[in-house]
Amino acid sequence: MSLHHAVSGELIPIHPLGDKLAQTASTALLKSRQLEVMRLVLPAGKSVPVHQVPGELTMQCLEGRVELQAHGKTQQLHGGEMVFLTGNEPYALRAMENCSILMTVALMRDSNA
Protein backbone atom coordinates (compact mmCIF):
# COMPACT_ATOMS: atom_id res chain seq x y z
CA MET A 1 0.00 0.00 0.00
CA SER A 2 1.42 3.40 -0.96
CA LEU A 3 1.78 6.22 1.54
CA HIS A 4 -0.87 8.96 1.23
CA HIS A 5 0.46 12.42 0.49
CA ALA A 6 -1.87 15.42 0.48
CA VAL A 7 -2.86 16.89 -2.86
CA SER A 8 -3.36 20.53 -3.79
CA GLY A 9 -6.29 21.98 -1.86
CA GLU A 10 -6.52 19.17 0.71
CA LEU A 11 -6.71 20.21 4.36
CA ILE A 12 -3.90 18.73 6.49
CA PRO A 13 -4.39 18.52 10.26
CA ILE A 14 -1.25 19.58 12.14
CA HIS A 15 -2.78 20.32 15.54
CA PRO A 16 -0.92 19.12 18.64
CA LEU A 17 -1.40 15.40 19.27
CA GLY A 18 -1.72 15.76 23.04
CA ASP A 19 -2.40 12.37 24.69
CA LYS A 20 -1.83 10.58 21.34
CA LEU A 21 1.73 11.91 20.95
CA ALA A 22 3.49 8.90 22.49
CA GLN A 23 1.63 6.43 20.20
CA THR A 24 2.03 8.39 16.94
CA ALA A 25 4.70 7.71 14.33
CA SER A 26 6.43 10.27 12.16
CA THR A 27 4.50 10.89 8.94
CA ALA A 28 5.18 12.37 5.51
CA LEU A 29 2.33 14.80 4.87
CA LEU A 30 3.05 15.93 1.34
CA LYS A 31 5.69 15.74 -1.32
CA SER A 32 5.78 17.65 -4.57
CA ARG A 33 8.54 18.36 -7.06
CA GLN A 34 9.85 21.26 -4.95
CA LEU A 35 8.55 20.73 -1.42
CA GLU A 36 8.33 18.04 1.26
CA VAL A 37 6.44 18.43 4.54
CA MET A 38 6.51 15.89 7.35
CA ARG A 39 5.48 15.59 10.98
CA LEU A 40 8.46 14.31 12.92
CA VAL A 41 7.47 12.69 16.22
CA LEU A 42 10.25 12.11 18.74
CA PRO A 43 9.81 10.48 22.16
CA ALA A 44 11.77 12.03 25.03
CA GLY A 45 15.46 11.10 24.81
CA LYS A 46 15.34 10.14 21.11
CA SER A 47 18.01 11.71 18.90
CA VAL A 48 18.40 12.40 15.22
CA PRO A 49 22.12 12.23 14.39
CA VAL A 50 23.90 15.02 12.54
CA HIS A 51 22.91 15.24 8.92
CA GLN A 52 22.02 17.82 6.31
CA VAL A 53 19.77 18.29 3.29
CA PRO A 54 20.57 20.27 0.14
CA GLY A 55 17.47 22.49 0.35
CA GLU A 56 16.43 25.10 2.88
CA LEU A 57 14.22 23.86 5.69
CA THR A 58 12.05 25.02 8.54
CA MET A 59 11.25 23.19 11.75
CA GLN A 60 8.23 24.28 13.73
CA CYS A 61 7.88 22.66 17.15
CA LEU A 62 4.15 21.93 17.48
CA GLU A 63 4.38 20.56 21.02
CA GLY A 64 6.96 19.45 23.53
CA ARG A 65 10.60 20.53 23.58
CA VAL A 66 13.50 19.60 21.32
CA GLU A 67 17.19 20.50 21.41
CA LEU A 68 18.64 21.62 18.07
CA GLN A 69 22.34 21.69 17.29
CA ALA A 70 23.14 23.85 14.25
CA HIS A 71 25.35 26.80 13.34
CA GLY A 72 27.82 25.79 16.05
CA LYS A 73 25.36 26.25 18.90
CA THR A 74 22.70 24.37 20.82
CA GLN A 75 19.27 25.83 21.42
CA GLN A 76 15.86 24.53 22.44
CA LEU A 77 12.65 24.84 20.50
CA HIS A 78 9.44 24.79 22.50
CA GLY A 79 5.90 24.31 21.22
CA GLY A 80 5.00 27.33 19.09
CA GLU A 81 8.59 28.13 18.04
CA MET A 82 10.14 27.74 14.60
CA VAL A 83 13.64 27.80 13.13
CA PHE A 84 14.95 28.22 9.57
CA LEU A 85 18.11 26.51 8.29
CA THR A 86 19.85 27.18 5.01
CA GLY A 87 20.59 24.33 2.64
CA ASN A 88 23.47 22.02 3.57
CA GLU A 89 23.57 23.28 7.19
CA PRO A 90 24.41 20.27 9.39
CA TYR A 91 21.98 19.79 12.27
CA ALA A 92 21.07 17.28 14.96
CA LEU A 93 18.01 16.93 17.19
CA ARG A 94 17.38 15.49 20.65
CA ALA A 95 13.92 15.36 22.20
CA MET A 96 13.96 16.83 25.71
CA GLU A 97 10.27 15.86 26.04
CA ASN A 98 7.91 13.97 23.77
CA CYS A 99 7.57 16.34 20.84
CA SER A 100 6.19 16.75 17.37
CA ILE A 101 7.81 18.95 14.75
CA LEU A 102 6.46 20.16 11.44
CA MET A 103 9.42 20.00 9.06
CA THR A 104 9.28 21.65 5.64
CA VAL A 105 12.09 21.03 3.15
CA ALA A 106 12.65 22.78 -0.17
CA LEU A 107 13.72 20.00 -2.53
CA MET A 108 16.63 20.66 -4.81
CA ARG A 109 16.00 19.20 -8.23
CA ASP A 110 18.43 18.66 -11.07
CA SER A 111 17.75 21.39 -13.65
CA ASN A 112 17.67 18.66 -16.33
CA ALA A 113 14.87 16.74 -14.56
C-alpha atoms as a PDB file:
ATOM      1  CA  MET A   1       0.000   0.000   0.000  1.00  0.00           C
ATOM      2  CA  SER A   2       1.416   3.401  -0.956  1.00  0.00           C
ATOM      3  CA  LEU A   3       1.779   6.224   1.543  1.00  0.00           C
ATOM      4  CA  HIS A   4      -0.872   8.956   1.234  1.00  0.00           C
ATOM      5  CA  HIS A   5       0.461  12.421   0.492  1.00  0.00           C
ATOM      6  CA  ALA A   6      -1.871  15.416   0.475  1.00  0.00           C
ATOM      7  CA  VAL A   7      -2.856  16.891  -2.863  1.00  0.00           C
ATOM      8  CA  SER A   8      -3.357  20.528  -3.790  1.00  0.00           C
ATOM      9  CA  GLY A   9      -6.288  21.983  -1.860  1.00  0.00           C
ATOM     10  CA  GLU A  10      -6.519  19.169   0.711  1.00  0.00           C
ATOM     11  CA  LEU A  11      -6.707  20.207   4.363  1.00  0.00           C
ATOM     12  CA  ILE A  12      -3.902  18.732   6.486  1.00  0.00           C
ATOM     13  CA  PRO A  13      -4.387  18.520  10.260  1.00  0.00           C
ATOM     14  CA  ILE A  14      -1.250  19.575  12.145  1.00  0.00           C
ATOM     15  CA  HIS A  15      -2.778  20.315  15.536  1.00  0.00           C
ATOM     16  CA  PRO A  16      -0.925  19.120  18.635  1.00  0.00           C
ATOM     17  CA  LEU A  17      -1.405  15.403  19.269  1.00  0.00           C
ATOM     18  CA  GLY A  18      -1.724  15.756  23.044  1.00  0.00           C
ATOM     19  CA  ASP A  19      -2.398  12.370  24.693  1.00  0.00           C
ATOM     20  CA  LYS A  20      -1.830  10.575  21.340  1.00  0.00           C
ATOM     21  CA  LEU A  21       1.729  11.909  20.950  1.00  0.00           C
ATOM     22  CA  ALA A  22       3.488   8.901  22.488  1.00  0.00           C
ATOM     23  CA  GLN A  23       1.631   6.434  20.197  1.00  0.00           C
ATOM     24  CA  THR A  24       2.029   8.385  16.944  1.00  0.00           C
ATOM     25  CA  ALA A  25       4.696   7.708  14.327  1.00  0.00           C
ATOM     26  CA  SER A  26       6.435  10.273  12.156  1.00  0.00           C
ATOM     27  CA  THR A  27       4.498  10.886   8.936  1.00  0.00           C
ATOM     28  CA  ALA A  28       5.185  12.366   5.505  1.00  0.00           C
ATOM     29  CA  LEU A  29       2.333  14.801   4.871  1.00  0.00           C
ATOM     30  CA  LEU A  30       3.047  15.934   1.338  1.00  0.00           C
ATOM     31  CA  LYS A  31       5.688  15.737  -1.324  1.00  0.00           C
ATOM     32  CA  SER A  32       5.781  17.648  -4.567  1.00  0.00           C
ATOM     33  CA  ARG A  33       8.538  18.364  -7.056  1.00  0.00           C
ATOM     34  CA  GLN A  34       9.848  21.261  -4.954  1.00  0.00           C
ATOM     35  CA  LEU A  35       8.549  20.726  -1.418  1.00  0.00           C
ATOM     36  CA  GLU A  36       8.328  18.044   1.260  1.00  0.00           C
ATOM     37  CA  VAL A  37       6.443  18.426   4.540  1.00  0.00           C
ATOM     38  CA  MET A  38       6.511  15.893   7.353  1.00  0.00           C
ATOM     39  CA  ARG A  39       5.475  15.592  10.984  1.00  0.00           C
ATOM     40  CA  LEU A  40       8.464  14.312  12.916  1.00  0.00           C
ATOM     41  CA  VAL A  41       7.470  12.688  16.224  1.00  0.00           C
ATOM     42  CA  LEU A  42      10.254  12.110  18.737  1.00  0.00           C
ATOM     43  CA  PRO A  43       9.812  10.484  22.157  1.00  0.00           C
ATOM     44  CA  ALA A  44      11.771  12.031  25.031  1.00  0.00           C
ATOM     45  CA  GLY A  45      15.460  11.101  24.811  1.00  0.00           C
ATOM     46  CA  LYS A  46      15.338  10.136  21.111  1.00  0.00           C
ATOM     47  CA  SER A  47      18.013  11.711  18.899  1.00  0.00           C
ATOM     48  CA  VAL A  48      18.395  12.402  15.216  1.00  0.00           C
ATOM     49  CA  PRO A  49      22.117  12.230  14.391  1.00  0.00           C
ATOM     50  CA  VAL A  50      23.903  15.020  12.542  1.00  0.00           C
ATOM     51  CA  HIS A  51      22.909  15.238   8.915  1.00  0.00           C
ATOM     52  CA  GLN A  52      22.017  17.824   6.307  1.00  0.00           C
ATOM     53  CA  VAL A  53      19.774  18.289   3.295  1.00  0.00           C
ATOM     54  CA  PRO A  54      20.565  20.270   0.140  1.00  0.00           C
ATOM     55  CA  GLY A  55      17.473  22.489   0.349  1.00  0.00           C
ATOM     56  CA  GLU A  56      16.426  25.098   2.884  1.00  0.00           C
ATOM     57  CA  LEU A  57      14.223  23.863   5.693  1.00  0.00           C
ATOM     58  CA  THR A  58      12.052  25.022   8.535  1.00  0.00           C
ATOM     59  CA  MET A  59      11.255  23.189  11.754  1.00  0.00           C
ATOM     60  CA  GLN A  60       8.228  24.280  13.733  1.00  0.00           C
ATOM     61  CA  CYS A  61       7.877  22.660  17.152  1.00  0.00           C
ATOM     62  CA  LEU A  62       4.155  21.930  17.478  1.00  0.00           C
ATOM     63  CA  GLU A  63       4.385  20.559  21.016  1.00  0.00           C
ATOM     64  CA  GLY A  64       6.959  19.447  23.530  1.00  0.00           C
ATOM     65  CA  ARG A  65      10.596  20.533  23.583  1.00  0.00           C
ATOM     66  CA  VAL A  66      13.498  19.602  21.321  1.00  0.00           C
ATOM     67  CA  GLU A  67      17.189  20.496  21.405  1.00  0.00           C
ATOM     68  CA  LEU A  68      18.636  21.624  18.070  1.00  0.00           C
ATOM     69  CA  GLN A  69      22.345  21.689  17.287  1.00  0.00           C
ATOM     70  CA  ALA A  70      23.137  23.847  14.250  1.00  0.00           C
ATOM     71  CA  HIS A  71      25.346  26.800  13.338  1.00  0.00           C
ATOM     72  CA  GLY A  72      27.825  25.789  16.051  1.00  0.00           C
ATOM     73  CA  LYS A  73      25.357  26.251  18.896  1.00  0.00           C
ATOM     74  CA  THR A  74      22.697  24.369  20.818  1.00  0.00           C
ATOM     75  CA  GLN A  75      19.265  25.827  21.417  1.00  0.00           C
ATOM     76  CA  GLN A  76      15.862  24.534  22.442  1.00  0.00           C
ATOM     77  CA  LEU A  77      12.652  24.838  20.497  1.00  0.00           C
ATOM     78  CA  HIS A  78       9.441  24.792  22.496  1.00  0.00           C
ATOM     79  CA  GLY A  79       5.903  24.307  21.223  1.00  0.00           C
ATOM     80  CA  GLY A  80       5.003  27.328  19.091  1.00  0.00           C
ATOM     81  CA  GLU A  81       8.592  28.135  18.041  1.00  0.00           C
ATOM     82  CA  MET A  82      10.139  27.736  14.601  1.00  0.00           C
ATOM     83  CA  VAL A  83      13.639  27.803  13.130  1.00  0.00           C
ATOM     84  CA  PHE A  84      14.950  28.217   9.567  1.00  0.00           C
ATOM     85  CA  LEU A  85      18.107  26.511   8.294  1.00  0.00           C
ATOM     86  CA  THR A  86      19.851  27.184   5.012  1.00  0.00           C
ATOM     87  CA  GLY A  87      20.591  24.333   2.638  1.00  0.00           C
ATOM     88  CA  ASN A  88      23.468  22.017   3.573  1.00  0.00           C
ATOM     89  CA  GLU A  89      23.570  23.280   7.185  1.00  0.00           C
ATOM     90  CA  PRO A  90      24.411  20.268   9.391  1.00  0.00           C
ATOM     91  CA  TYR A  91      21.979  19.787  12.271  1.00  0.00           C
ATOM     92  CA  ALA A  92      21.065  17.278  14.956  1.00  0.00           C
ATOM     93  CA  LEU A  93      18.011  16.928  17.192  1.00  0.00           C
ATOM     94  CA  ARG A  94      17.383  15.487  20.648  1.00  0.00           C
ATOM     95  CA  ALA A  95      13.924  15.361  22.204  1.00  0.00           C
ATOM     96  CA  MET A  96      13.958  16.830  25.711  1.00  0.00           C
ATOM     97  CA  GLU A  97      10.271  15.862  26.043  1.00  0.00           C
ATOM     98  CA  ASN A  98       7.907  13.968  23.770  1.00  0.00           C
ATOM     99  CA  CYS A  99       7.569  16.340  20.841  1.00  0.00           C
ATOM    100  CA  SER A 100       6.185  16.755  17.366  1.00  0.00           C
ATOM    101  CA  ILE A 101       7.809  18.954  14.748  1.00  0.00           C
ATOM    102  CA  LEU A 102       6.456  20.164  11.442  1.00  0.00           C
ATOM    103  CA  MET A 103       9.420  20.001   9.060  1.00  0.00           C
ATOM    104  CA  THR A 104       9.283  21.654   5.638  1.00  0.00           C
ATOM    105  CA  VAL A 105      12.093  21.033   3.152  1.00  0.00           C
ATOM    106  CA  ALA A 106      12.649  22.779  -0.167  1.00  0.00           C
ATOM    107  CA  LEU A 107      13.725  19.999  -2.526  1.00  0.00           C
ATOM    108  CA  MET A 108      16.633  20.656  -4.811  1.00  0.00           C
ATOM    109  CA  ARG A 109      16.000  19.199  -8.234  1.00  0.00           C
ATOM    110  CA  ASP A 110      18.431  18.661 -11.069  1.00  0.00           C
ATOM    111  CA  SER A 111      17.748  21.390 -13.646  1.00  0.00           C
ATOM    112  CA  ASN A 112      17.672  18.665 -16.326  1.00  0.00           C
ATOM    113  CA  ALA A 113      14.871  16.742 -14.560  1.00  0.00           C
END
